[in-house]
Amino acid sequence: MDSLLIFGNLLNTTLVFSTALIFAALGGLFSERSGIVNIGIEGLMVFGAFAAAVGTHYAEQAGMGGASPWVGLLTAIVVGVLGSLIHAVATITFKADQTISGVVINFLATGITLYLVKLLFDGAGETPLLLHRLAKLNFPDFASIPVIGPILGAGILNSYPTTFIAIILVFVTYYVLNKTTFGLRLRSVGEHPSAADTMGINVNRMRYIGVMLSGALAGLGGATITLTTTGLFSHTTVSGQGFIAIAALIFGKWNPLGIMGAALFFGFSQAIRNYVQLFEWSASIPQDFILMLPYVLTVIVLVVAIGKSRAPAALGEAYDPGKR
């Protein structure tokens, strides 16, 4: 039973780490399905993590109590969308290099959020520790079920509400992209924008929507880290999660279900490093090697998967109606 409980806890930690990756990777999916490369997912997550901390803090100051984290989530979504508009205007309206624009978003987010933290909180390098965070949902009745009880009670069901939202959103995204007119139009401007334009689809508008959705979801991913794991925002809050989300997007072959599987894999790689240290043999492994495990796996997966994944045909190409 102890081993089952450990496995349940490992599964629960995997879901905690995977949730932010699912949100951010789905955000990248909407942008890249529309044809716009979004390397700036990391920066948009930083914006979201910052906005969630600040929004929740001031909601607490206003006496909103347990509702404060939800205010933080909404604030993160709004700020994520605003941050993504910078990328959209640069790449769609002004046809700037999409990779360079994304890198600029990453640098801008890191710099401006640190500056604002110092400005708002008397020169501190991080926001105050939040009094209210998202609480895990609790289903104690399932824990008493023989054998699978610890896996369900301590693992899958003992999760934050954002985890359930992320999983539901995976299936909603799959349906939207494959079964709705909006989804088919979004995919068409990422595959063959000239043909889509000929059919009367406004290519630029669809791409703006795709990038803005990426900002909303990436902001939600960053907020998830702040409101479930760290409880505050600092320059190390996101720590490369956006780049891992991009790896999950590629490894998942631009498919929502594949993205969820890839995010769970990367979440497991982050969770396992916490449990490896419980075994005596891990004492001979340098701590830095254990901490770098998720990033090493990310690089390996990218090397293996990038040649086998087919990106949207027009990904990274600015659309010029005059060249039809």
Protein backbone atom coordinates (compact mmCIF):
# COMPACT_ATOMS: atom_id res chain seq x y z
CA MET A 1 0.00 0.00 0.00
CA ASP A 2 2.88 2.35 0.76
CA SER A 3 4.20 1.87 -2.76
CA LEU A 4 0.75 2.64 -4.16
CA LEU A 5 0.59 5.79 -2.06
CA ILE A 6 4.02 6.85 -3.33
CA PHE A 7 2.87 6.21 -6.89
CA GLY A 8 -0.31 8.23 -6.25
CA ASN A 9 1.72 11.13 -4.88
CA LEU A 10 4.10 10.92 -7.86
CA LEU A 11 1.13 11.00 -10.22
CA ASN A 12 -0.30 13.99 -8.37
CA THR A 13 3.00 15.89 -8.61
CA THR A 14 3.18 15.03 -12.31
CA LEU A 15 -0.23 16.60 -12.84
CA VAL A 16 0.81 19.71 -10.91
CA PHE A 17 3.85 20.27 -13.12
CA SER A 18 2.01 19.28 -16.31
CA THR A 19 -0.90 21.69 -15.94
CA ALA A 20 1.01 24.87 -16.76
CA LEU A 21 2.68 23.09 -19.69
CA ILE A 22 -0.69 22.00 -21.09
CA PHE A 23 -2.08 25.54 -20.96
CA ALA A 24 1.02 27.09 -22.53
CA ALA A 25 1.42 24.42 -25.21
CA LEU A 26 -2.24 24.74 -26.20
CA GLY A 27 -1.64 28.47 -26.48
CA GLY A 28 1.29 27.82 -28.79
CA LEU A 29 -0.93 25.46 -30.77
CA PHE A 30 -3.50 28.16 -31.59
CA SER A 31 -0.77 30.57 -32.68
CA GLU A 32 1.18 28.11 -34.78
CA ARG A 33 -1.89 26.51 -36.33
CA SER A 34 -2.64 29.98 -37.66
CA GLY A 35 0.86 30.18 -39.13
CA ILE A 36 2.59 32.39 -36.53
CA VAL A 37 5.64 30.99 -34.72
CA ASN A 38 5.46 31.94 -31.05
CA ILE A 39 8.82 31.54 -29.35
CA GLY A 40 7.52 34.14 -26.89
CA ILE A 41 5.45 31.60 -24.92
CA GLU A 42 8.03 31.80 -22.13
CA GLY A 43 7.64 35.57 -21.90
CA LEU A 44 3.85 35.37 -22.01
CA MET A 45 3.96 32.89 -19.14
CA VAL A 46 6.13 35.35 -17.21
CA PHE A 47 3.56 38.09 -17.84
CA GLY A 48 0.82 35.76 -16.62
CA ALA A 49 2.71 34.66 -13.51
CA PHE A 50 3.41 38.29 -12.61
CA ALA A 51 -0.16 39.43 -13.27
CA ALA A 52 -1.59 36.58 -11.22
CA ALA A 53 0.58 37.45 -8.23
CA VAL A 54 -0.16 41.17 -8.41
CA GLY A 55 -3.87 40.71 -9.15
CA THR A 56 -4.28 38.25 -6.30
CA HIS A 57 -2.30 40.46 -3.88
CA TYR A 58 -4.41 43.54 -4.51
CA ALA A 59 -7.61 41.48 -4.42
CA GLU A 60 -6.54 40.27 -0.98
CA GLN A 61 -5.89 43.87 0.05
CA ALA A 62 -9.42 44.71 -1.10
CA GLY A 63 -10.82 42.01 1.19
CA MET A 64 -11.88 39.52 -1.49
CA GLY A 65 -10.51 36.57 0.48
CA GLY A 66 -10.84 33.17 -1.19
CA ALA A 67 -11.97 34.74 -4.47
CA SER A 68 -8.61 36.51 -4.83
CA PRO A 69 -6.83 33.72 -6.79
CA TRP A 70 -9.61 33.72 -9.37
CA VAL A 71 -9.15 37.46 -9.79
CA GLY A 72 -5.46 36.70 -10.29
CA LEU A 73 -6.29 34.13 -12.99
CA LEU A 74 -8.47 36.61 -14.88
CA THR A 75 -5.81 39.28 -14.58
CA ALA A 76 -3.22 36.88 -16.00
CA ILE A 77 -5.43 36.08 -18.99
CA VAL A 78 -5.93 39.78 -19.78
CA VAL A 79 -2.24 40.63 -19.41
CA GLY A 80 -1.29 37.58 -21.49
CA VAL A 81 -3.55 38.77 -24.31
CA LEU A 82 -2.09 42.28 -24.13
CA GLY A 83 1.43 40.89 -24.22
CA SER A 84 0.60 38.71 -27.22
CA LEU A 85 -0.69 41.74 -29.12
CA ILE A 86 2.87 43.04 -29.26
CA HIS A 87 3.87 39.87 -31.07
CA ALA A 88 0.79 39.97 -33.30
CA VAL A 89 1.28 43.57 -34.40
CA ALA A 90 4.97 43.02 -35.08
CA THR A 91 4.60 39.79 -37.05
CA ILE A 92 1.22 40.15 -38.76
CA THR A 93 0.82 43.87 -39.37
CA PHE A 94 4.48 44.78 -39.83
CA LYS A 95 5.64 41.33 -40.98
CA ALA A 96 8.64 41.25 -38.64
CA ASP A 97 10.66 38.06 -38.27
CA GLN A 98 8.51 35.87 -36.05
CA THR A 99 11.37 34.20 -34.19
CA ILE A 100 13.07 37.50 -33.39
CA SER A 101 9.78 39.00 -32.22
CA GLY A 102 9.25 36.06 -29.87
CA VAL A 103 12.73 36.42 -28.43
CA VAL A 104 12.04 40.12 -27.85
CA ILE A 105 8.84 39.21 -25.97
CA ASN A 106 10.87 36.92 -23.71
CA PHE A 107 13.44 39.60 -22.88
CA LEU A 108 10.78 42.28 -22.49
CA ALA A 109 8.69 40.18 -20.11
CA THR A 110 11.66 39.37 -17.89
CA GLY A 111 12.82 42.97 -17.70
CA ILE A 112 9.52 44.79 -17.35
CA THR A 113 8.03 42.44 -14.74
CA LEU A 114 11.12 42.66 -12.53
CA TYR A 115 11.06 46.45 -12.86
CA LEU A 116 7.36 46.60 -11.94
CA VAL A 117 7.85 44.31 -8.95
CA LYS A 118 10.53 46.63 -7.60
CA LEU A 119 8.34 49.65 -8.36
CA LEU A 120 5.21 48.27 -6.72
CA PHE A 121 6.79 46.59 -3.69
CA ASP A 122 9.40 49.05 -2.45
CA GLY A 123 12.40 47.68 -4.31
CA ALA A 124 11.77 44.02 -3.43
CA GLY A 125 12.93 41.36 -5.87
CA GLU A 126 9.69 39.39 -5.57
CA THR A 127 6.05 39.92 -4.73
CA PRO A 128 4.77 39.28 -1.19
CA LEU A 129 3.78 35.70 -0.39
CA LEU A 130 0.12 35.31 -1.26
CA LEU A 131 -2.29 34.62 1.59
CA HIS A 132 -4.74 32.83 -0.70
CA ARG A 133 -3.93 30.33 -3.42
CA LEU A 134 -5.95 27.84 -5.38
CA ALA A 135 -6.84 24.90 -3.14
CA LYS A 136 -6.78 21.28 -4.23
CA LEU A 137 -10.11 19.59 -4.69
CA ASN A 138 -10.59 16.80 -2.19
CA PHE A 139 -12.50 13.54 -2.74
CA PRO A 140 -11.78 11.55 0.46
CA ASP A 141 -14.31 8.80 -0.32
CA PHE A 142 -12.19 7.53 -3.20
CA ALA A 143 -9.14 7.08 -1.00
CA SER A 144 -10.81 4.16 0.80
CA ILE A 145 -11.24 2.09 -2.38
CA PRO A 146 -8.97 -0.99 -2.24
CA VAL A 147 -5.82 -0.94 -4.41
CA ILE A 148 -6.75 1.98 -6.66
CA GLY A 149 -7.84 4.24 -3.78
CA PRO A 150 -4.41 5.79 -3.17
CA ILE A 151 -3.94 6.33 -6.91
CA LEU A 152 -7.28 8.09 -7.24
CA GLY A 153 -7.52 9.78 -3.86
CA ALA A 154 -3.92 10.92 -3.52
CA GLY A 155 -3.18 11.12 -7.22
CA ILE A 156 -5.61 12.01 -9.97
CA LEU A 157 -8.54 13.45 -8.03
CA ASN A 158 -6.52 15.30 -5.39
CA SER A 159 -5.67 18.02 -7.89
CA TYR A 160 -6.02 21.75 -8.32
CA PRO A 161 -9.07 23.01 -10.24
CA THR A 162 -6.73 24.32 -12.95
CA THR A 163 -5.66 20.74 -13.67
CA PHE A 164 -9.22 19.70 -14.44
CA ILE A 165 -9.72 22.85 -16.50
CA ALA A 166 -6.56 22.09 -18.50
CA ILE A 167 -7.61 18.51 -19.24
CA ILE A 168 -11.12 19.59 -20.29
CA LEU A 169 -9.59 22.31 -22.45
CA VAL A 170 -7.52 19.72 -24.33
CA PHE A 171 -10.68 18.00 -25.57
CA VAL A 172 -12.44 21.31 -26.20
CA THR A 173 -9.48 22.46 -28.30
CA TYR A 174 -9.47 19.19 -30.25
CA TYR A 175 -13.16 19.63 -31.02
CA VAL A 176 -12.83 23.32 -31.92
CA LEU A 177 -9.90 22.80 -34.28
CA ASN A 178 -11.32 19.74 -36.03
CA LYS A 179 -15.09 20.08 -35.89
CA THR A 180 -15.94 23.78 -36.04
CA THR A 181 -15.88 26.39 -38.79
CA PHE A 182 -13.59 28.58 -36.70
CA GLY A 183 -11.09 25.76 -36.25
CA LEU A 184 -11.06 24.84 -39.91
CA ARG A 185 -10.51 28.47 -40.86
CA LEU A 186 -7.71 28.85 -38.34
CA ARG A 187 -5.97 25.76 -39.68
CA SER A 188 -6.47 26.86 -43.28
CA VAL A 189 -4.62 30.16 -42.78
CA GLY A 190 -1.74 28.19 -41.28
CA GLU A 191 -1.62 25.68 -44.11
CA HIS A 192 -2.45 27.70 -47.22
CA PRO A 193 -3.27 31.35 -46.50
CA SER A 194 -3.61 32.27 -50.18
CA ALA A 195 -6.31 29.66 -50.72
CA ALA A 196 -8.04 30.74 -47.51
CA ASP A 197 -8.00 34.36 -48.66
CA THR A 198 -9.49 33.32 -51.99
CA MET A 199 -12.35 31.68 -50.09
CA GLY A 200 -13.09 34.97 -48.31
CA ILE A 201 -11.33 34.22 -45.02
CA ASN A 202 -9.60 37.22 -43.45
CA VAL A 203 -6.12 35.77 -42.95
CA ASN A 204 -4.76 38.53 -40.73
CA ARG A 205 -7.81 38.55 -38.48
CA MET A 206 -7.64 34.80 -37.96
CA ARG A 207 -3.94 35.03 -37.18
CA TYR A 208 -4.55 37.84 -34.69
CA ILE A 209 -7.12 35.65 -32.94
CA GLY A 210 -4.71 32.71 -32.88
CA VAL A 211 -1.92 34.77 -31.33
CA MET A 212 -4.25 36.38 -28.79
CA LEU A 213 -5.55 32.96 -27.75
CA SER A 214 -1.92 31.89 -27.28
CA GLY A 215 -1.41 34.88 -24.98
CA ALA A 216 -4.50 34.08 -22.93
CA LEU A 217 -3.54 30.43 -22.45
CA ALA A 218 0.15 31.07 -21.85
CA GLY A 219 -0.81 33.72 -19.29
CA LEU A 220 -3.07 31.14 -17.65
CA GLY A 221 -0.15 28.71 -17.60
CA GLY A 222 2.09 31.22 -15.85
CA ALA A 223 -0.67 32.05 -13.39
CA THR A 224 -1.06 28.36 -12.57
CA ILE A 225 2.56 28.20 -11.41
CA THR A 226 2.14 31.25 -9.17
CA LEU A 227 -1.19 30.23 -7.68
CA THR A 228 -0.48 26.54 -7.07
CA THR A 229 3.26 26.05 -6.65
CA THR A 230 5.28 29.13 -5.70
CA GLY A 231 2.74 31.42 -4.04
CA LEU A 232 4.59 34.50 -5.29
CA PHE A 233 6.30 35.90 -8.37
CA SER A 234 10.04 36.32 -8.87
CA HIS A 235 12.37 36.23 -11.88
CA THR A 236 12.77 32.45 -11.36
CA THR A 237 9.06 31.58 -11.21
CA VAL A 238 8.69 30.33 -14.78
CA SER A 239 12.30 29.15 -15.26
CA GLY A 240 12.11 27.78 -18.78
CA GLN A 241 8.64 26.22 -18.57
CA GLY A 242 7.64 28.11 -21.70
CA PHE A 243 10.41 26.48 -23.70
CA ILE A 244 9.42 23.05 -22.38
CA ALA A 245 5.84 23.85 -23.47
CA ILE A 246 7.12 24.57 -26.99
CA ALA A 247 8.91 21.21 -26.90
CA ALA A 248 5.61 19.58 -25.85
CA LEU A 249 3.91 21.31 -28.79
CA ILE A 250 6.44 19.88 -31.25
CA PHE A 251 6.64 16.46 -29.58
CA GLY A 252 2.82 16.36 -29.58
CA LYS A 253 2.82 17.03 -33.35
CA TRP A 254 0.58 20.10 -33.08
CA ASN A 255 -2.27 17.89 -31.88
CA PRO A 256 -4.09 18.65 -28.58
CA LEU A 257 -4.11 15.02 -27.45
CA GLY A 258 -0.45 14.58 -28.34
CA ILE A 259 0.34 17.80 -26.51
CA MET A 260 -1.32 16.50 -23.34
CA GLY A 261 0.70 13.30 -23.55
CA ALA A 262 3.94 15.21 -24.09
CA ALA A 263 3.13 17.63 -21.25
CA LEU A 264 2.50 14.69 -18.91
CA PHE A 265 5.84 13.20 -19.94
CA PHE A 266 7.69 16.43 -19.19
CA GLY A 267 5.69 16.90 -15.99
CA PHE A 268 6.71 13.41 -14.92
CA SER A 269 10.38 14.23 -15.64
CA GLN A 270 10.08 17.21 -13.27
CA ALA A 271 8.19 15.25 -10.63
CA ILE A 272 10.55 12.28 -10.61
CA ARG A 273 13.51 14.41 -9.58
CA ASN A 274 11.73 15.06 -6.26
CA TYR A 275 11.28 11.33 -5.65
CA VAL A 276 14.69 10.16 -6.84
CA GLN A 277 16.18 11.82 -3.78
CA LEU A 278 14.21 9.44 -1.54
CA PHE A 279 16.42 6.52 -2.58
CA GLU A 280 19.83 5.92 -1.05
CA TRP A 281 21.54 5.34 -4.40
CA SER A 282 20.66 8.92 -5.43
CA ALA A 283 23.14 10.27 -2.88
CA SER A 284 25.96 9.49 -5.30
CA ILE A 285 24.39 11.63 -8.02
CA PRO A 286 25.26 15.35 -7.94
CA GLN A 287 22.22 17.50 -7.13
CA ASP A 288 22.72 19.62 -10.24
CA PHE A 289 22.36 16.53 -12.45
CA ILE A 290 19.00 15.71 -10.87
CA LEU A 291 17.76 19.29 -11.25
CA MET A 292 18.74 19.44 -14.92
CA LEU A 293 16.89 16.22 -15.81
CA PRO A 294 13.73 17.87 -17.27
CA TYR A 295 15.78 20.16 -19.50
CA VAL A 296 18.03 17.35 -20.74
CA LEU A 297 14.96 15.28 -21.62
CA THR A 298 13.51 18.29 -23.42
CA VAL A 299 16.59 18.58 -25.63
CA ILE A 300 16.66 14.83 -26.32
CA VAL A 301 12.98 14.76 -27.23
CA LEU A 302 13.38 17.72 -29.58
CA VAL A 303 16.31 16.08 -31.33
CA VAL A 304 14.36 12.84 -31.77
CA ALA A 305 10.95 14.32 -32.61
CA ILE A 306 11.66 17.40 -34.68
CA GLY A 307 12.41 15.45 -37.85
CA LYS A 308 9.27 13.33 -37.48
CA SER A 309 6.80 16.14 -36.82
CA ARG A 310 5.10 18.06 -39.59
CA ALA A 311 4.46 21.68 -38.74
CA PRO A 312 1.69 23.70 -40.43
CA ALA A 313 2.82 24.33 -44.02
CA ALA A 314 2.78 28.13 -43.79
CA LEU A 315 4.24 28.35 -40.29
CA GLY A 316 6.62 31.29 -40.00
CA GLU A 317 5.64 32.84 -43.33
CA ALA A 318 4.26 36.37 -43.35
CA TYR A 319 1.23 36.61 -45.62
CA ASP A 320 1.37 39.13 -48.46
CA PRO A 321 -1.91 39.31 -50.44
CA GLY A 322 -0.05 40.90 -53.35
CA LYS A 323 1.90 37.67 -53.91
CA ARG A 324 -1.10 35.43 -54.47
